[in-house]
Every structure is written in structure tokens, then in C-alpha cells.
């Protein structure tokens, strides 16, 4: 596990704007991604995650431009995901300033992609993103979803976590689709179960709504916590989240308010 907890604002980007909804539905405009990225960096964010939530060919050039402009102004690690289908996509994103690449649907469609990226760029570049729902169909009680949570796959979420780590994923971003955007707290059971089997860092995502929601995710085994709405809406700052985690007894990379 990491020596210090990371706090990661997430920017869901569509057509060059940050958007946010509940359970990935009813998306609303939340601002300019470069401006928000700069704000969060000033607040002490350890990393930033950009997810192209539409990831169409038409939007791809927009995403490259957003990443480039952000990397020119913000000097903390930047993870970019959405629509990454090949190691050439990874090369281009790294070329415009991304530090890590989030992979989701393409890895489900062709798991070999994980190894191809790891072999070419190193495991530390790959953040395997999972959109997970509770499901009685799966032995673990959790299923991997695709298409922004709208379709259930035939993959047991915990078995998929185990497989992608074996294939070379360097980090797991585990997003609870049941909790996403609800502001009701992280899925602690999901986080704990992933932690038990994963030998790589785990990022908890989905559901943060109060300052007291973050430390329990770390207690459950997360190495980092990711949130969107609470930062975009100004509910609290990155510094306040870090302070809340520190007050609960965890080591964080900084507590500047």
C-alpha cells in the first residue's frame, strides 16, 4: 500500500467540458476542465483523473487538446481514460502530457491489451478502471458494467480485478455505479473485497458526499480516494478532505487548507 493517502479529483469530460450526473445519467455542465484542474492543483490535489465519458471519434481530438492544455498548466500526475483502444492511443495521450492511462471497455473486449500496454510502457502507466454494480448473478455479488454502467458484462468484478493485475495493470480504479453521484458514501464492502485480492494500489470511487465519507474508504483498504461532484460544486476543497483523512489518523501528502 502507499505510504500516504492520495486525494484525486475526477473530471468527466464530454465535448471539452466537465460534466456530472447521478449514476452517469442526466449529465450537467460543471465547468472548463483546464480551469478546474488548475483550481484543484492549487488546493493540493495529488493527482487528477480525466475521463472522456462520450469517447467518440469526434470528441477524441478535443480530449487531446484538453490534456495538452492541462499538462501545460498543471504539474501533478494526470490520468486520462475513455476510448483508449490500443497502445498507439496510449502513446498519443502520453505524448500530449498524460502520466497514466485509464483503460476500461477495451480491456474487457480484448484483455490482451493490458499486457501490450504494460510491455511497451510499464505497468505503472495502466490504471484499470472498473464500473461495478452489485449483482446476484455473480459469485462475489459484484458485476463489471460497460457503456457508462448501462450494460452488465458477464465478468465477476473480483475475478476481473485478479485477472487484470496478473496481466499487468498497475492500479485499480474501482467505481461503484450504485453509489456514483448519490453522495451517500463509498461502497466499503466493494473496496474491502478488492483490497483483499489486489497487490496493486486501489482507488475508491463513487458516492463521496460528506467529509466523513473519505476516511472509512481508507480504513476499508483504499490507497486513494476519488471524487467529483463535491469538488465541482464547491461543497468542500481538496485540502478539507485531506484534513479530514488526517484527523482520522491517516498519513496524507499534505493538509493545506
C-alpha atoms as a PDB file:
ATOM      1  CA  UNK A   1       0.000   0.000   0.000  1.00  0.00           C
ATOM      2  CA  UNK A   2       1.016   3.602  -0.476  1.00  0.00           C
ATOM      3  CA  UNK A   3       2.884   5.413   2.280  1.00  0.00           C
ATOM      4  CA  UNK A   4       0.464   8.328   2.041  1.00  0.00           C
ATOM      5  CA  UNK A   5      -3.171   8.590   1.031  1.00  0.00           C
ATOM      6  CA  UNK A   6      -3.855  10.362  -2.259  1.00  0.00           C
ATOM      7  CA  UNK A   7      -6.874  12.574  -2.949  1.00  0.00           C
ATOM      8  CA  UNK A   8      -7.855  12.652  -6.626  1.00  0.00           C
ATOM      9  CA  UNK A   9     -10.474  14.942  -8.151  1.00  0.00           C
ATOM     10  CA  UNK A  10     -12.139  13.382 -11.188  1.00  0.00           C
ATOM     11  CA  UNK A  11     -13.217  15.379 -14.206  1.00  0.00           C
ATOM     12  CA  UNK A  12     -15.699  13.630 -16.501  1.00  0.00           C
ATOM     13  CA  UNK A  13     -15.223  15.370 -19.826  1.00  0.00           C
ATOM     14  CA  UNK A  14     -17.628  15.476 -22.779  1.00  0.00           C
ATOM     15  CA  UNK A  15     -17.016  17.647 -25.844  1.00  0.00           C
ATOM     16  CA  UNK A  16     -14.356  19.597 -23.975  1.00  0.00           C
ATOM     17  CA  UNK A  17     -16.469  20.417 -20.894  1.00  0.00           C
ATOM     18  CA  UNK A  18     -16.642  18.843 -17.442  1.00  0.00           C
ATOM     19  CA  UNK A  19     -19.995  17.148 -16.818  1.00  0.00           C
ATOM     20  CA  UNK A  20     -21.575  15.401 -13.858  1.00  0.00           C
ATOM     21  CA  UNK A  21     -24.704  13.365 -13.255  1.00  0.00           C
ATOM     22  CA  UNK A  22     -26.162  10.692 -10.984  1.00  0.00           C
ATOM     23  CA  UNK A  23     -25.331   7.084 -11.922  1.00  0.00           C
ATOM     24  CA  UNK A  24     -23.863   8.509 -15.153  1.00  0.00           C
ATOM     25  CA  UNK A  25     -27.257   9.873 -16.223  1.00  0.00           C
ATOM     26  CA  UNK A  26     -28.707  13.390 -16.651  1.00  0.00           C
ATOM     27  CA  UNK A  27     -25.303  14.964 -17.247  1.00  0.00           C
ATOM     28  CA  UNK A  28     -24.954  18.677 -16.495  1.00  0.00           C
ATOM     29  CA  UNK A  29     -22.189  21.134 -17.280  1.00  0.00           C
ATOM     30  CA  UNK A  30     -19.724  21.590 -14.418  1.00  0.00           C
ATOM     31  CA  UNK A  31     -17.155  23.895 -15.998  1.00  0.00           C
ATOM     32  CA  UNK A  32     -13.968  24.194 -18.026  1.00  0.00           C
ATOM     33  CA  UNK A  33     -11.606  21.262 -17.403  1.00  0.00           C
ATOM     34  CA  UNK A  34      -8.381  23.269 -17.534  1.00  0.00           C
ATOM     35  CA  UNK A  35      -9.703  25.866 -15.080  1.00  0.00           C
ATOM     36  CA  UNK A  36     -10.965  23.191 -12.706  1.00  0.00           C
ATOM     37  CA  UNK A  37      -7.718  21.238 -12.945  1.00  0.00           C
ATOM     38  CA  UNK A  38      -5.715  24.341 -12.024  1.00  0.00           C
ATOM     39  CA  UNK A  39      -8.034  25.056  -9.090  1.00  0.00           C
ATOM     40  CA  UNK A  40      -7.681  21.533  -7.703  1.00  0.00           C
ATOM     41  CA  UNK A  41      -3.920  21.587  -8.118  1.00  0.00           C
ATOM     42  CA  UNK A  42      -3.807  24.806  -6.098  1.00  0.00           C
ATOM     43  CA  UNK A  43      -5.948  23.141  -3.426  1.00  0.00           C
ATOM     44  CA  UNK A  44      -3.370  20.357  -3.067  1.00  0.00           C
ATOM     45  CA  UNK A  45      -4.712  17.554  -5.250  1.00  0.00           C
ATOM     46  CA  UNK A  46      -2.177  14.732  -5.539  1.00  0.00           C
ATOM     47  CA  UNK A  47      -3.364  13.676  -8.974  1.00  0.00           C
ATOM     48  CA  UNK A  48      -6.142  14.424 -11.439  1.00  0.00           C
ATOM     49  CA  UNK A  49      -8.227  11.986 -13.450  1.00  0.00           C
ATOM     50  CA  UNK A  50      -9.858  12.924 -16.759  1.00  0.00           C
ATOM     51  CA  UNK A  51     -12.466  10.531 -18.140  1.00  0.00           C
ATOM     52  CA  UNK A  52     -13.858  11.132 -21.619  1.00  0.00           C
ATOM     53  CA  UNK A  53     -17.379   9.919 -20.911  1.00  0.00           C
ATOM     54  CA  UNK A  54     -18.521  10.024 -24.515  1.00  0.00           C
ATOM     55  CA  UNK A  55     -15.250   8.854 -26.069  1.00  0.00           C
ATOM     56  CA  UNK A  56     -16.453   9.141 -29.639  1.00  0.00           C
ATOM     57  CA  UNK A  57     -14.115   9.640 -32.545  1.00  0.00           C
ATOM     58  CA  UNK A  58     -15.457  13.192 -32.933  1.00  0.00           C
ATOM     59  CA  UNK A  59     -14.543  14.075 -29.363  1.00  0.00           C
ATOM     60  CA  UNK A  60     -11.129  12.437 -29.364  1.00  0.00           C
ATOM     61  CA  UNK A  61      -9.277  15.423 -30.810  1.00  0.00           C
ATOM     62  CA  UNK A  62     -10.972  17.625 -28.212  1.00  0.00           C
ATOM     63  CA  UNK A  63      -9.729  15.364 -25.448  1.00  0.00           C
ATOM     64  CA  UNK A  64      -6.132  15.508 -26.707  1.00  0.00           C
ATOM     65  CA  UNK A  65      -6.356  19.292 -26.729  1.00  0.00           C
ATOM     66  CA  UNK A  66      -7.755  19.388 -23.178  1.00  0.00           C
ATOM     67  CA  UNK A  67      -4.993  17.095 -21.913  1.00  0.00           C
ATOM     68  CA  UNK A  68      -2.306  19.144 -23.624  1.00  0.00           C
ATOM     69  CA  UNK A  69      -3.603  22.448 -22.256  1.00  0.00           C
ATOM     70  CA  UNK A  70      -3.955  20.989 -18.760  1.00  0.00           C
ATOM     71  CA  UNK A  71      -0.469  19.484 -18.752  1.00  0.00           C
ATOM     72  CA  UNK A  72       0.965  22.873 -19.741  1.00  0.00           C
ATOM     73  CA  UNK A  73      -0.544  24.496 -16.637  1.00  0.00           C
ATOM     74  CA  UNK A  74      -0.837  21.772 -14.018  1.00  0.00           C
ATOM     75  CA  UNK A  75       2.200  19.872 -12.751  1.00  0.00           C
ATOM     76  CA  UNK A  76       0.728  16.908 -10.881  1.00  0.00           C
ATOM     77  CA  UNK A  77       0.156  13.409 -12.311  1.00  0.00           C
ATOM     78  CA  UNK A  78      -2.679  13.263 -14.831  1.00  0.00           C
ATOM     79  CA  UNK A  79      -4.597  10.072 -15.592  1.00  0.00           C
ATOM     80  CA  UNK A  80      -6.666  10.075 -18.773  1.00  0.00           C
ATOM     81  CA  UNK A  81      -9.234   7.450 -19.735  1.00  0.00           C
ATOM     82  CA  UNK A  82     -12.137   6.871 -22.082  1.00  0.00           C
ATOM     83  CA  UNK A  83     -11.944   5.450 -25.575  1.00  0.00           C
ATOM     84  CA  UNK A  84      -8.428   4.024 -25.214  1.00  0.00           C
ATOM     85  CA  UNK A  85      -8.345   1.004 -27.524  1.00  0.00           C
ATOM     86  CA  UNK A  86      -4.703   0.428 -28.445  1.00  0.00           C
ATOM     87  CA  UNK A  87      -1.153   1.025 -27.316  1.00  0.00           C
ATOM     88  CA  UNK A  88      -0.977   3.720 -30.001  1.00  0.00           C
ATOM     89  CA  UNK A  89      -3.789   5.596 -28.231  1.00  0.00           C
ATOM     90  CA  UNK A  90      -1.708   5.339 -25.069  1.00  0.00           C
ATOM     91  CA  UNK A  91       1.382   6.641 -26.861  1.00  0.00           C
ATOM     92  CA  UNK A  92      -0.514   9.656 -28.171  1.00  0.00           C
ATOM     93  CA  UNK A  93      -2.019  10.532 -24.791  1.00  0.00           C
ATOM     94  CA  UNK A  94       1.353  10.227 -23.080  1.00  0.00           C
ATOM     95  CA  UNK A  95       2.749  12.412 -25.825  1.00  0.00           C
ATOM     96  CA  UNK A  96       0.368  15.279 -25.057  1.00  0.00           C
ATOM     97  CA  UNK A  97       1.045  15.175 -21.322  1.00  0.00           C
ATOM     98  CA  UNK A  98      -0.821  12.317 -19.638  1.00  0.00           C
ATOM     99  CA  UNK A  99       1.129  10.406 -16.986  1.00  0.00           C
ATOM    100  CA  UNK A 100      -1.159   7.390 -16.639  1.00  0.00           C
ATOM    101  CA  UNK A 101      -3.865   5.934 -18.838  1.00  0.00           C
ATOM    102  CA  UNK A 102      -7.234   4.607 -17.718  1.00  0.00           C
ATOM    103  CA  UNK A 103      -8.473   1.545 -19.589  1.00  0.00           C
ATOM    104  CA  UNK A 104     -11.924   0.019 -19.196  1.00  0.00           C
ATOM    105  CA  UNK A 105     -14.168  -1.252 -22.006  1.00  0.00           C
ATOM    106  CA  UNK A 106     -11.333  -2.025 -24.427  1.00  0.00           C
ATOM    107  CA  UNK A 107      -9.694  -4.311 -21.869  1.00  0.00           C
ATOM    108  CA  UNK A 108     -12.974  -6.141 -21.394  1.00  0.00           C
ATOM    109  CA  UNK A 109     -13.306  -6.590 -25.145  1.00  0.00           C
ATOM    110  CA  UNK A 110      -9.661  -7.662 -25.549  1.00  0.00           C
ATOM    111  CA  UNK A 111      -7.832  -8.424 -22.275  1.00  0.00           C
ATOM    112  CA  UNK A 112      -4.536  -8.828 -24.140  1.00  0.00           C
ATOM    113  CA  UNK A 113      -4.447  -5.030 -24.457  1.00  0.00           C
ATOM    114  CA  UNK A 114      -3.362  -4.764 -20.805  1.00  0.00           C
ATOM    115  CA  UNK A 115      -0.232  -6.780 -21.398  1.00  0.00           C
ATOM    116  CA  UNK A 116       0.536  -4.935 -24.624  1.00  0.00           C
ATOM    117  CA  UNK A 117       0.453  -1.585 -22.825  1.00  0.00           C
ATOM    118  CA  UNK A 118       2.418  -2.899 -19.848  1.00  0.00           C
ATOM    119  CA  UNK A 119       5.103  -4.392 -22.070  1.00  0.00           C
ATOM    120  CA  UNK A 120       5.531  -1.176 -24.046  1.00  0.00           C
ATOM    121  CA  UNK A 121       5.183   1.474 -21.346  1.00  0.00           C
ATOM    122  CA  UNK A 122       5.334  -0.314 -17.979  1.00  0.00           C
ATOM    123  CA  UNK A 123       2.599  -1.347 -15.562  1.00  0.00           C
ATOM    124  CA  UNK A 124       2.804   1.975 -13.740  1.00  0.00           C
ATOM    125  CA  UNK A 125       1.110   3.618 -16.752  1.00  0.00           C
ATOM    126  CA  UNK A 126      -2.037   1.449 -16.612  1.00  0.00           C
ATOM    127  CA  UNK A 127      -4.957   2.338 -14.370  1.00  0.00           C
ATOM    128  CA  UNK A 128      -7.579  -0.336 -14.916  1.00  0.00           C
ATOM    129  CA  UNK A 129     -10.947   1.325 -14.395  1.00  0.00           C
ATOM    130  CA  UNK A 130     -13.930  -0.771 -13.342  1.00  0.00           C
ATOM    131  CA  UNK A 131     -17.553   0.379 -13.203  1.00  0.00           C
ATOM    132  CA  UNK A 132     -19.052  -2.089 -10.742  1.00  0.00           C
ATOM    133  CA  UNK A 133     -22.619  -2.882  -9.712  1.00  0.00           C
ATOM    134  CA  UNK A 134     -23.988  -5.261  -7.142  1.00  0.00           C
ATOM    135  CA  UNK A 135     -25.402  -8.384  -8.780  1.00  0.00           C
ATOM    136  CA  UNK A 136     -26.813 -11.674  -7.545  1.00  0.00           C
ATOM    137  CA  UNK A 137     -25.661 -13.248 -10.812  1.00  0.00           C
ATOM    138  CA  UNK A 138     -22.027 -13.214  -9.742  1.00  0.00           C
ATOM    139  CA  UNK A 139     -20.334 -15.338  -7.055  1.00  0.00           C
ATOM    140  CA  UNK A 140     -18.763 -12.255  -5.467  1.00  0.00           C
ATOM    141  CA  UNK A 141     -22.008 -10.272  -5.597  1.00  0.00           C
ATOM    142  CA  UNK A 142     -20.470  -7.688  -7.946  1.00  0.00           C
ATOM    143  CA  UNK A 143     -20.540  -7.452 -11.739  1.00  0.00           C
ATOM    144  CA  UNK A 144     -18.475  -5.351 -14.147  1.00  0.00           C
ATOM    145  CA  UNK A 145     -20.562  -2.995 -16.287  1.00  0.00           C
ATOM    146  CA  UNK A 146     -19.834  -1.232 -19.577  1.00  0.00           C
ATOM    147  CA  UNK A 147     -21.183   1.716 -21.542  1.00  0.00           C
ATOM    148  CA  UNK A 148     -21.178   4.040 -18.558  1.00  0.00           C
ATOM    149  CA  UNK A 149     -22.806   1.486 -16.314  1.00  0.00           C
ATOM    150  CA  UNK A 150     -25.713   0.851 -18.654  1.00  0.00           C
ATOM    151  CA  UNK A 151     -24.788  -2.717 -19.621  1.00  0.00           C
ATOM    152  CA  UNK A 152     -23.807  -5.613 -17.411  1.00  0.00           C
ATOM    153  CA  UNK A 153     -20.984  -7.806 -18.638  1.00  0.00           C
ATOM    154  CA  UNK A 154     -20.510 -11.481 -17.824  1.00  0.00           C
ATOM    155  CA  UNK A 155     -17.492 -10.689 -15.675  1.00  0.00           C
ATOM    156  CA  UNK A 156     -17.416 -11.159 -11.933  1.00  0.00           C
ATOM    157  CA  UNK A 157     -15.849  -7.930 -10.680  1.00  0.00           C
ATOM    158  CA  UNK A 158     -13.467  -9.547  -8.219  1.00  0.00           C
ATOM    159  CA  UNK A 159     -12.316 -12.206 -10.667  1.00  0.00           C
ATOM    160  CA  UNK A 160     -11.718  -9.452 -13.226  1.00  0.00           C
ATOM    161  CA  UNK A 161      -9.650  -7.489 -10.712  1.00  0.00           C
ATOM    162  CA  UNK A 162      -7.498 -10.544 -10.113  1.00  0.00           C
ATOM    163  CA  UNK A 163      -7.048 -11.178 -13.840  1.00  0.00           C
ATOM    164  CA  UNK A 164      -6.129  -7.635 -14.840  1.00  0.00           C
ATOM    165  CA  UNK A 165      -3.478  -7.402 -12.126  1.00  0.00           C
ATOM    166  CA  UNK A 166      -1.966 -10.665 -13.378  1.00  0.00           C
ATOM    167  CA  UNK A 167      -1.979  -9.223 -16.901  1.00  0.00           C
ATOM    168  CA  UNK A 168      -0.047  -6.138 -15.825  1.00  0.00           C
ATOM    169  CA  UNK A 169      -2.409  -3.440 -14.570  1.00  0.00           C
ATOM    170  CA  UNK A 170      -0.559  -1.155 -12.157  1.00  0.00           C
ATOM    171  CA  UNK A 171      -3.533   0.321 -10.328  1.00  0.00           C
ATOM    172  CA  UNK A 172      -7.269  -0.329  -9.924  1.00  0.00           C
ATOM    173  CA  UNK A 173      -9.838   2.453 -10.066  1.00  0.00           C
ATOM    174  CA  UNK A 174     -12.956   0.874  -8.614  1.00  0.00           C
ATOM    175  CA  UNK A 175     -16.089   2.917  -9.202  1.00  0.00           C
ATOM    176  CA  UNK A 176     -19.342   1.842  -7.567  1.00  0.00           C
ATOM    177  CA  UNK A 177     -22.123   2.518 -10.061  1.00  0.00           C
ATOM    178  CA  UNK A 178     -24.674   2.036  -7.288  1.00  0.00           C
ATOM    179  CA  UNK A 179     -23.109   4.854  -5.289  1.00  0.00           C
ATOM    180  CA  UNK A 180     -21.937   7.110  -8.145  1.00  0.00           C
ATOM    181  CA  UNK A 181     -23.249  10.636  -7.785  1.00  0.00           C
ATOM    182  CA  UNK A 182     -25.541   9.743  -4.890  1.00  0.00           C
ATOM    183  CA  UNK A 183     -23.363  11.485  -2.239  1.00  0.00           C
ATOM    184  CA  UNK A 184     -24.276   8.664   0.158  1.00  0.00           C
ATOM    185  CA  UNK A 185     -20.757   7.342   0.750  1.00  0.00           C
ATOM    186  CA  UNK A 186     -18.328   4.879  -0.831  1.00  0.00           C
ATOM    187  CA  UNK A 187     -19.176   1.186  -1.186  1.00  0.00           C
ATOM    188  CA  UNK A 188     -16.935  -0.013   1.618  1.00  0.00           C
ATOM    189  CA  UNK A 189     -17.670  -3.695   1.118  1.00  0.00           C
ATOM    190  CA  UNK A 190     -16.579  -3.475  -2.512  1.00  0.00           C
ATOM    191  CA  UNK A 191     -13.407  -1.585  -1.585  1.00  0.00           C
ATOM    192  CA  UNK A 192     -12.539  -4.104   1.102  1.00  0.00           C
ATOM    193  CA  UNK A 193     -13.027  -7.110  -1.137  1.00  0.00           C
ATOM    194  CA  UNK A 194     -10.872  -5.648  -3.890  1.00  0.00           C
ATOM    195  CA  UNK A 195      -8.166  -4.784  -1.363  1.00  0.00           C
ATOM    196  CA  UNK A 196      -8.050  -8.369  -0.126  1.00  0.00           C
ATOM    197  CA  UNK A 197      -7.107  -9.753  -3.527  1.00  0.00           C
ATOM    198  CA  UNK A 198      -5.222  -6.884  -5.193  1.00  0.00           C
ATOM    199  CA  UNK A 199      -1.456  -6.491  -4.914  1.00  0.00           C
ATOM    200  CA  UNK A 200      -1.563  -3.047  -6.567  1.00  0.00           C
ATOM    201  CA  UNK A 201      -2.910   0.320  -5.334  1.00  0.00           C
ATOM    202  CA  UNK A 202      -6.699   0.632  -5.154  1.00  0.00           C
ATOM    203  CA  UNK A 203      -8.581   3.883  -5.785  1.00  0.00           C
ATOM    204  CA  UNK A 204     -12.073   4.078  -4.265  1.00  0.00           C
ATOM    205  CA  UNK A 205     -14.596   5.971  -6.379  1.00  0.00           C
ATOM    206  CA  UNK A 206     -18.301   6.695  -6.310  1.00  0.00           C
ATOM    207  CA  UNK A 207     -20.520   8.152  -3.611  1.00  0.00           C
ATOM    208  CA  UNK A 208     -18.499  10.714  -1.664  1.00  0.00           C
ATOM    209  CA  UNK A 209     -20.813  13.351  -0.238  1.00  0.00           C
ATOM    210  CA  UNK A 210     -19.513  14.277   3.224  1.00  0.00           C
ATOM    211  CA  UNK A 211     -16.086  14.809   4.714  1.00  0.00           C
ATOM    212  CA  UNK A 212     -16.648  11.836   6.997  1.00  0.00           C
ATOM    213  CA  UNK A 213     -17.078   9.522   3.991  1.00  0.00           C
ATOM    214  CA  UNK A 214     -13.411   9.556   2.988  1.00  0.00           C
ATOM    215  CA  UNK A 215     -11.544   8.063   5.954  1.00  0.00           C
ATOM    216  CA  UNK A 216     -13.733   4.903   6.061  1.00  0.00           C
ATOM    217  CA  UNK A 217     -12.736   4.186   2.448  1.00  0.00           C
ATOM    218  CA  UNK A 218      -9.094   4.270   3.539  1.00  0.00           C
ATOM    219  CA  UNK A 219      -9.952   2.065   6.512  1.00  0.00           C
ATOM    220  CA  UNK A 220     -11.521  -0.380   4.051  1.00  0.00           C
ATOM    221  CA  UNK A 221      -8.238  -0.612   2.162  1.00  0.00           C
ATOM    222  CA  UNK A 222      -8.180   2.136  -0.453  1.00  0.00           C
ATOM    223  CA  UNK A 223      -4.824   3.744  -1.192  1.00  0.00           C
ATOM    224  CA  UNK A 224      -6.521   6.769  -2.740  1.00  0.00           C
ATOM    225  CA  UNK A 225      -9.969   8.337  -2.868  1.00  0.00           C
ATOM    226  CA  UNK A 226     -11.538   9.902  -5.937  1.00  0.00           C
ATOM    227  CA  UNK A 227     -14.486  12.290  -6.080  1.00  0.00           C
ATOM    228  CA  UNK A 228     -16.117  14.696  -8.499  1.00  0.00           C
ATOM    229  CA  UNK A 229     -19.378  16.409  -7.548  1.00  0.00           C
ATOM    230  CA  UNK A 230     -18.286  17.534  -4.090  1.00  0.00           C
ATOM    231  CA  UNK A 231     -15.312  19.331  -5.618  1.00  0.00           C
ATOM    232  CA  UNK A 232     -17.084  20.725  -8.685  1.00  0.00           C
ATOM    233  CA  UNK A 233     -19.941  22.091  -6.590  1.00  0.00           C
ATOM    234  CA  UNK A 234     -17.590  23.608  -4.032  1.00  0.00           C
ATOM    235  CA  UNK A 235     -19.031  21.514  -1.211  1.00  0.00           C
ATOM    236  CA  UNK A 236     -15.509  21.282   0.139  1.00  0.00           C
ATOM    237  CA  UNK A 237     -11.933  21.645  -1.057  1.00  0.00           C
ATOM    238  CA  UNK A 238      -9.240  19.047  -1.587  1.00  0.00           C
ATOM    239  CA  UNK A 239      -7.472  20.460   1.471  1.00  0.00           C
ATOM    240  CA  UNK A 240     -10.529  19.913   3.649  1.00  0.00           C
ATOM    241  CA  UNK A 241     -10.757  16.295   2.523  1.00  0.00           C
ATOM    242  CA  UNK A 242      -7.089  15.773   3.301  1.00  0.00           C
ATOM    243  CA  UNK A 243      -7.523  17.316   6.730  1.00  0.00           C
ATOM    244  CA  UNK A 244     -10.493  15.055   7.471  1.00  0.00           C
ATOM    245  CA  UNK A 245      -8.473  11.989   6.491  1.00  0.00           C
ATOM    246  CA  UNK A 246      -5.510  13.165   8.574  1.00  0.00           C
ATOM    247  CA  UNK A 247      -7.770  13.834  11.540  1.00  0.00           C
ATOM    248  CA  UNK A 248      -8.901  10.208  11.321  1.00  0.00           C
ATOM    249  CA  UNK A 249      -5.297   9.094  11.803  1.00  0.00           C
ATOM    250  CA  UNK A 250      -4.125   8.514   8.252  1.00  0.00           C
ATOM    251  CA  UNK A 251      -0.988   9.899   6.649  1.00  0.00           C
ATOM    252  CA  UNK A 252      -1.734  12.201   3.706  1.00  0.00           C
ATOM    253  CA  UNK A 253       0.617  14.019   1.362  1.00  0.00           C
ATOM    254  CA  UNK A 254      -0.372  17.455   2.642  1.00  0.00           C
ATOM    255  CA  UNK A 255      -3.103  19.147   4.647  1.00  0.00           C
ATOM    256  CA  UNK A 256      -3.033  22.678   3.300  1.00  0.00           C
ATOM    257  CA  UNK A 257      -6.425  24.307   3.589  1.00  0.00           C
END
